[in-house]
N, C-alpha and C. Protein backbone atom coordinates (compact mmCIF):
# COMPACT_ATOMS: atom_id res chain seq x y z
N MET A 1 -2.31 -12.72 -9.11
CA MET A 1 -3.08 -12.70 -8.30
C MET A 1 -3.66 -10.93 -8.81
N GLU A 2 -5.12 -11.15 -8.67
CA GLU A 2 -5.75 -10.12 -9.02
C GLU A 2 -5.42 -8.85 -8.24
N PHE A 3 -5.67 -7.85 -8.76
CA PHE A 3 -6.13 -6.06 -8.08
C PHE A 3 -6.62 -6.61 -7.27
N VAL A 4 -6.78 -6.34 -5.79
CA VAL A 4 -7.31 -5.99 -4.95
C VAL A 4 -8.22 -5.24 -5.36
N PRO A 5 -9.78 -5.60 -4.60
CA PRO A 5 -10.94 -4.94 -5.01
C PRO A 5 -11.01 -3.48 -4.12
N GLY A 6 -11.00 -3.47 -2.94
CA GLY A 6 -11.07 -2.47 -2.14
C GLY A 6 -9.97 -1.02 -2.57
N LEU A 7 -8.48 -1.42 -3.17
CA LEU A 7 -7.59 -0.53 -3.43
C LEU A 7 -8.70 -0.31 -4.65
N ASP A 8 -8.76 -0.51 -5.77
CA ASP A 8 -9.50 -0.36 -6.84
C ASP A 8 -10.88 0.72 -6.52
N GLU A 9 -11.53 0.63 -5.33
CA GLU A 9 -12.63 1.85 -5.36
C GLU A 9 -12.01 2.71 -4.68
N LEU A 10 -10.72 2.50 -4.00
CA LEU A 10 -10.17 3.99 -3.82
C LEU A 10 -9.35 4.56 -4.87
N ARG A 11 -9.18 4.08 -5.93
CA ARG A 11 -8.70 4.37 -7.01
C ARG A 11 -9.86 5.57 -7.40
N ALA A 12 -10.84 4.29 -7.95
CA ALA A 12 -11.91 4.94 -8.98
C ALA A 12 -12.46 6.63 -8.16
N CYS A 13 -12.53 6.26 -7.26
CA CYS A 13 -13.33 7.92 -6.23
C CYS A 13 -12.34 8.96 -6.21
N GLY A 14 -10.54 8.34 -6.25
CA GLY A 14 -9.72 9.19 -6.17
C GLY A 14 -9.29 9.55 -4.84
N ARG A 15 -9.31 8.66 -3.97
CA ARG A 15 -8.88 8.80 -2.53
C ARG A 15 -7.42 8.22 -2.31
N MET A 16 -7.03 7.79 -3.41
CA MET A 16 -5.60 7.28 -3.78
C MET A 16 -5.14 7.08 -5.20
N THR A 17 -4.30 7.81 -5.32
CA THR A 17 -3.75 8.34 -6.55
C THR A 17 -1.90 7.75 -6.71
N TRP A 18 -1.72 7.29 -7.74
CA TRP A 18 -0.28 7.22 -8.32
C TRP A 18 0.47 8.20 -8.63
N VAL A 19 1.70 8.64 -8.03
CA VAL A 19 2.40 9.53 -8.95
C VAL A 19 3.76 9.11 -9.46
N ASP A 20 4.05 9.24 -10.94
CA ASP A 20 4.94 8.74 -11.26
C ASP A 20 6.43 8.82 -10.68
N GLU A 21 6.45 10.39 -10.37
CA GLU A 21 7.70 10.89 -9.79
C GLU A 21 8.20 10.37 -9.08
N GLU A 22 7.50 9.79 -8.28
CA GLU A 22 7.55 9.47 -6.53
C GLU A 22 7.82 7.69 -6.49
N ARG A 23 6.86 7.13 -7.50
CA ARG A 23 7.20 5.73 -7.68
C ARG A 23 5.92 5.34 -6.83
N ALA A 24 5.14 5.86 -6.20
CA ALA A 24 4.30 5.52 -4.81
C ALA A 24 2.88 5.79 -5.35
N TRP A 25 1.64 5.69 -4.46
CA TRP A 25 0.67 6.06 -4.06
C TRP A 25 0.53 7.46 -3.03
N VAL A 26 -0.16 8.28 -3.66
CA VAL A 26 -0.74 9.42 -2.76
C VAL A 26 -1.85 8.73 -2.24
N ALA A 27 -2.18 8.98 -0.82
CA ALA A 27 -3.44 8.31 0.04
C ALA A 27 -3.23 8.34 1.67
N ARG A 28 -3.82 8.10 2.26
CA ARG A 28 -4.68 7.97 3.21
C ARG A 28 -3.89 6.46 4.14
N PRO A 29 -2.66 6.48 4.94
CA PRO A 29 -2.81 4.62 4.91
C PRO A 29 -3.60 4.02 5.82
N ASP A 30 -4.37 4.19 6.61
CA ASP A 30 -5.41 4.11 7.17
C ASP A 30 -6.72 3.66 6.28
N GLU A 31 -6.54 4.48 4.39
CA GLU A 31 -7.85 3.90 4.15
C GLU A 31 -7.14 2.05 3.24
N ILE A 32 -6.02 2.81 3.25
CA ILE A 32 -5.14 1.44 2.37
C ILE A 32 -5.38 0.30 2.69
N VAL A 33 -5.00 0.09 4.48
CA VAL A 33 -4.81 -0.91 5.28
C VAL A 33 -6.60 -1.48 5.36
N ASP A 34 -7.27 -0.54 5.40
CA ASP A 34 -8.82 -0.89 5.62
C ASP A 34 -8.94 -1.83 4.42
N ALA A 35 -8.52 -1.55 3.13
CA ALA A 35 -9.04 -2.17 2.07
C ALA A 35 -8.15 -3.26 1.80
N LEU A 36 -6.91 -3.50 2.44
CA LEU A 36 -6.57 -4.90 2.34
C LEU A 36 -6.73 -5.46 3.23
N SER A 37 -7.46 -5.04 4.26
CA SER A 37 -7.75 -5.74 5.46
C SER A 37 -9.58 -7.03 5.41
N SER A 38 -9.90 -5.60 4.34
CA SER A 38 -11.34 -6.09 4.03
C SER A 38 -11.63 -7.49 2.72
N GLN A 39 -10.29 -7.10 2.21
CA GLN A 39 -10.16 -8.35 1.26
C GLN A 39 -9.61 -9.86 1.81
N GLY A 40 -9.37 -9.76 2.70
CA GLY A 40 -9.06 -10.94 3.47
C GLY A 40 -7.54 -11.13 4.21
N PHE A 41 -6.80 -9.59 4.13
CA PHE A 41 -5.12 -10.01 4.73
C PHE A 41 -5.60 -9.33 6.22
N GLN A 42 -5.33 -10.32 7.24
CA GLN A 42 -5.35 -10.21 8.69
C GLN A 42 -4.05 -9.02 8.87
N GLU A 43 -3.91 -8.91 10.14
CA GLU A 43 -2.97 -8.12 10.35
C GLU A 43 -1.63 -8.73 11.36
N TYR A 44 -0.69 -9.15 11.03
CA TYR A 44 0.38 -9.37 11.40
C TYR A 44 1.26 -8.72 12.26
N LYS A 45 1.81 -7.58 11.10
CA LYS A 45 2.52 -6.65 11.58
C LYS A 45 1.95 -4.89 11.64
N ARG A 46 2.51 -4.25 12.21
CA ARG A 46 1.83 -2.53 12.41
C ARG A 46 2.57 -1.83 13.29
N GLU A 47 4.06 -1.22 12.70
CA GLU A 47 4.67 -0.04 13.52
C GLU A 47 4.34 0.90 12.44
N SER A 48 5.08 2.25 13.90
CA SER A 48 4.86 3.34 13.10
C SER A 48 6.23 3.70 13.80
N THR A 49 7.06 5.16 12.59
CA THR A 49 8.24 5.12 13.22
C THR A 49 7.98 7.35 13.68
N LYS A 50 9.01 7.47 14.49
CA LYS A 50 8.81 8.72 14.66
C LYS A 50 10.68 9.20 14.57
N SER A 51 10.52 10.67 14.42
CA SER A 51 11.93 11.07 14.56
C SER A 51 12.45 11.38 15.88
N ARG A 52 11.32 11.91 16.63
CA ARG A 52 11.49 11.92 18.32
C ARG A 52 10.37 11.48 19.27
N ARG A 53 10.33 11.42 20.50
CA ARG A 53 9.03 10.60 21.15
C ARG A 53 7.98 11.66 21.21
N ASP A 54 8.52 12.91 21.12
CA ASP A 54 7.17 13.89 21.47
C ASP A 54 6.85 14.32 20.08
N ARG A 55 6.74 14.29 18.59
CA ARG A 55 6.15 14.51 17.27
C ARG A 55 5.18 12.71 16.83
N GLU A 56 4.90 13.03 16.51
CA GLU A 56 3.91 12.44 15.38
C GLU A 56 4.72 11.40 14.35
N PRO A 57 3.99 10.15 14.57
CA PRO A 57 4.57 9.79 13.63
C PRO A 57 4.83 9.96 12.27
N THR A 58 6.18 9.54 11.60
CA THR A 58 6.33 10.32 10.35
C THR A 58 5.95 9.19 9.28
N GLY A 59 6.21 7.98 9.66
CA GLY A 59 5.84 6.97 8.25
C GLY A 59 5.37 5.57 9.27
N GLY A 60 5.23 4.60 8.66
CA GLY A 60 4.99 3.37 9.22
C GLY A 60 4.89 1.86 8.28
N VAL A 61 4.41 0.78 8.54
CA VAL A 61 4.59 0.00 8.21
C VAL A 61 3.37 -1.40 8.11
N TRP A 62 2.66 -1.90 7.24
CA TRP A 62 1.59 -2.53 7.96
C TRP A 62 1.56 -3.80 7.28
N GLN A 63 1.86 -4.95 7.76
CA GLN A 63 1.74 -6.26 6.96
C GLN A 63 0.50 -7.52 7.28
N GLY A 64 -0.06 -7.88 6.48
CA GLY A 64 -1.41 -8.36 6.41
C GLY A 64 -0.87 -10.08 5.59
N LEU A 65 -1.83 -11.15 6.00
CA LEU A 65 -1.85 -12.16 5.90
C LEU A 65 -2.83 -12.48 5.32
N ASP A 66 -3.11 -13.41 4.27
CA ASP A 66 -4.94 -13.95 3.68
C ASP A 66 -4.20 -15.47 4.17
N SER A 67 -4.92 -15.77 5.20
CA SER A 67 -5.05 -17.04 5.38
C SER A 67 -5.32 -17.98 4.69
N ARG A 68 -6.24 -17.94 3.96
CA ARG A 68 -6.82 -18.61 2.35
C ARG A 68 -5.71 -18.71 1.62
N THR A 69 -5.10 -18.04 0.84
CA THR A 69 -4.27 -18.07 -0.07
C THR A 69 -2.13 -18.27 0.20
N GLY A 70 -2.18 -17.84 1.63
CA GLY A 70 -0.99 -17.49 1.93
C GLY A 70 -0.29 -16.53 1.71
N ALA A 71 -1.28 -15.45 0.81
CA ALA A 71 -0.70 -14.14 0.18
C ALA A 71 0.07 -13.43 1.13
N VAL A 72 1.01 -12.16 1.39
CA VAL A 72 0.90 -11.43 2.18
C VAL A 72 1.07 -10.06 1.37
N ALA A 73 0.79 -9.42 2.15
CA ALA A 73 0.48 -7.72 1.51
C ALA A 73 1.45 -6.92 2.78
N SER A 74 1.96 -6.01 2.02
CA SER A 74 2.51 -4.66 2.86
C SER A 74 2.02 -3.23 1.81
N ALA A 75 2.24 -3.07 3.18
CA ALA A 75 1.85 -1.34 3.10
C ALA A 75 3.30 -0.51 3.64
N ILE A 76 4.36 0.15 3.15
CA ILE A 76 5.03 1.08 3.63
C ILE A 76 4.62 2.62 3.61
N TRP A 77 4.76 3.26 4.59
CA TRP A 77 4.35 5.04 4.13
C TRP A 77 5.08 5.89 5.17
N VAL A 78 5.52 6.98 4.16
CA VAL A 78 5.95 8.31 4.83
C VAL A 78 4.98 9.45 4.71
N HIS A 79 4.46 9.90 5.77
CA HIS A 79 3.71 11.37 5.62
C HIS A 79 4.03 12.28 5.03
N ARG A 80 3.03 12.95 4.70
CA ARG A 80 3.11 14.03 3.63
C ARG A 80 1.88 14.92 4.54
N GLY A 81 1.61 15.44 5.07
CA GLY A 81 0.68 16.32 5.55
C GLY A 81 -0.80 15.67 6.05
N ASP A 82 -1.86 15.48 5.58
CA ASP A 82 -2.74 14.64 5.44
C ASP A 82 -2.77 13.17 5.00
N ASP A 83 -1.85 13.57 4.00
CA ASP A 83 -1.56 11.91 3.04
C ASP A 83 -0.36 11.52 3.35
N ALA A 84 0.12 10.52 2.43
CA ALA A 84 1.45 9.74 2.78
C ALA A 84 1.56 9.52 1.23
N LEU A 85 2.87 9.49 0.91
CA LEU A 85 3.51 8.11 -0.19
C LEU A 85 3.20 6.81 0.23
N VAL A 86 2.21 6.16 -0.23
CA VAL A 86 2.34 4.66 0.48
C VAL A 86 3.17 3.96 -1.07
N PHE A 87 3.90 2.87 -0.33
CA PHE A 87 4.23 1.70 -1.36
C PHE A 87 3.61 0.38 -0.60
N ILE A 88 3.04 -0.45 -1.80
CA ILE A 88 2.32 -1.58 -1.74
C ILE A 88 2.52 -2.35 -2.47
N ASP A 89 2.66 -3.64 -1.65
CA ASP A 89 3.19 -4.71 -2.29
C ASP A 89 2.73 -6.27 -1.60
N ILE A 90 2.22 -7.00 -3.12
CA ILE A 90 0.86 -7.90 -2.28
C ILE A 90 2.20 -9.12 -2.63
N ASP A 91 2.24 -10.24 -1.91
CA ASP A 91 2.86 -11.62 -2.66
C ASP A 91 4.08 -11.35 -3.14
N GLY A 92 5.00 -10.11 -3.20
CA GLY A 92 6.15 -10.15 -3.42
C GLY A 92 6.18 -9.29 -4.98
N ASP A 93 4.94 -8.61 -5.17
CA ASP A 93 4.91 -8.13 -6.74
C ASP A 93 4.41 -6.63 -6.00
N ARG A 94 4.80 -5.36 -6.51
CA ARG A 94 4.88 -4.37 -6.65
C ARG A 94 3.28 -3.79 -7.12
N VAL A 95 2.36 -3.18 -6.33
CA VAL A 95 1.35 -2.54 -6.95
C VAL A 95 1.54 -1.21 -7.40
N THR A 96 1.47 -1.01 -8.60
CA THR A 96 1.91 0.27 -9.31
C THR A 96 0.30 0.75 -9.77
N GLY A 97 0.74 2.27 -10.35
CA GLY A 97 -0.67 3.09 -10.91
C GLY A 97 -0.76 2.45 -12.72
N GLY A 98 -1.79 2.90 -12.85
CA GLY A 98 -2.23 2.44 -14.22
C GLY A 98 -4.63 2.87 -14.00
N GLU A 99 -5.26 2.67 -14.97
CA GLU A 99 -6.53 2.49 -14.98
C GLU A 99 -6.94 1.47 -14.06
N PRO A 100 -8.10 1.90 -13.15
CA PRO A 100 -8.36 1.22 -12.05
C PRO A 100 -9.05 -0.46 -12.82
N SER A 101 -9.37 -0.15 -13.59
CA SER A 101 -9.81 -1.38 -14.38
C SER A 101 -8.79 -2.62 -14.69
N GLU A 102 -7.63 -1.57 -15.13
CA GLU A 102 -6.31 -2.33 -15.68
C GLU A 102 -4.96 -2.09 -15.02
N PRO A 103 -5.28 -2.56 -13.27
CA PRO A 103 -3.95 -2.55 -12.88
C PRO A 103 -2.80 -2.80 -13.23
N ARG A 104 -1.77 -2.15 -13.01
CA ARG A 104 -0.11 -2.67 -13.36
C ARG A 104 0.44 -3.84 -11.99
N ARG A 105 1.29 -4.27 -11.69
CA ARG A 105 1.95 -4.69 -11.00
C ARG A 105 3.20 -5.09 -11.49
N GLN A 106 4.14 -4.77 -10.33
CA GLN A 106 5.46 -4.96 -11.14
C GLN A 106 6.45 -5.98 -10.76
N GLU A 107 6.61 -6.76 -11.14
CA GLU A 107 7.61 -8.06 -10.40
C GLU A 107 8.55 -7.49 -9.50
N ALA A 108 8.77 -8.21 -8.38
CA ALA A 108 10.06 -7.89 -7.74
C ALA A 108 11.19 -8.25 -8.10
N SER A 109 10.95 -8.96 -9.25
CA SER A 109 12.62 -9.36 -9.88
C SER A 109 12.67 -8.41 -10.90
N ASN A 110 12.05 -7.56 -11.13
CA ASN A 110 12.13 -6.27 -12.47
C ASN A 110 12.12 -5.31 -11.59
N ALA A 111 12.25 -4.85 -10.64
CA ALA A 111 11.86 -3.61 -10.16
C ALA A 111 13.53 -3.58 -9.40
N PRO A 112 13.42 -1.66 -10.34
CA PRO A 112 14.97 -1.17 -9.95
C PRO A 112 15.75 -1.87 -8.82
N GLY A 113 17.21 -1.85 -8.59
CA GLY A 113 17.97 -2.07 -7.55
C GLY A 113 17.97 -3.53 -7.40
N LYS A 114 17.41 -4.63 -8.25
CA LYS A 114 17.11 -6.24 -7.67
C LYS A 114 18.30 -6.34 -8.90
């Protein structure tokens, strides 16, 4: 599967940055979700996590299904101020850093701990 163009645009304008040390993207979760949605992934699950009821969410998860292909996209994030660490997976393949024109995807079977 090719890289999702909406994500490529976020990378190209610096709104989504790969951090090797974290093995995650630094981005705004709503922009990641919007990019995936604009490419045909329809939301079917969205959850937020809170450490206490009286606090803002500390993280969350979003999943979408592309009904044309059956592909599933997932985004999991942990907030860090205005931005968050975001982990993106499309149809079992982790979306990792690289040049915007040459994205890398890590096969789930090759992921550490698997």
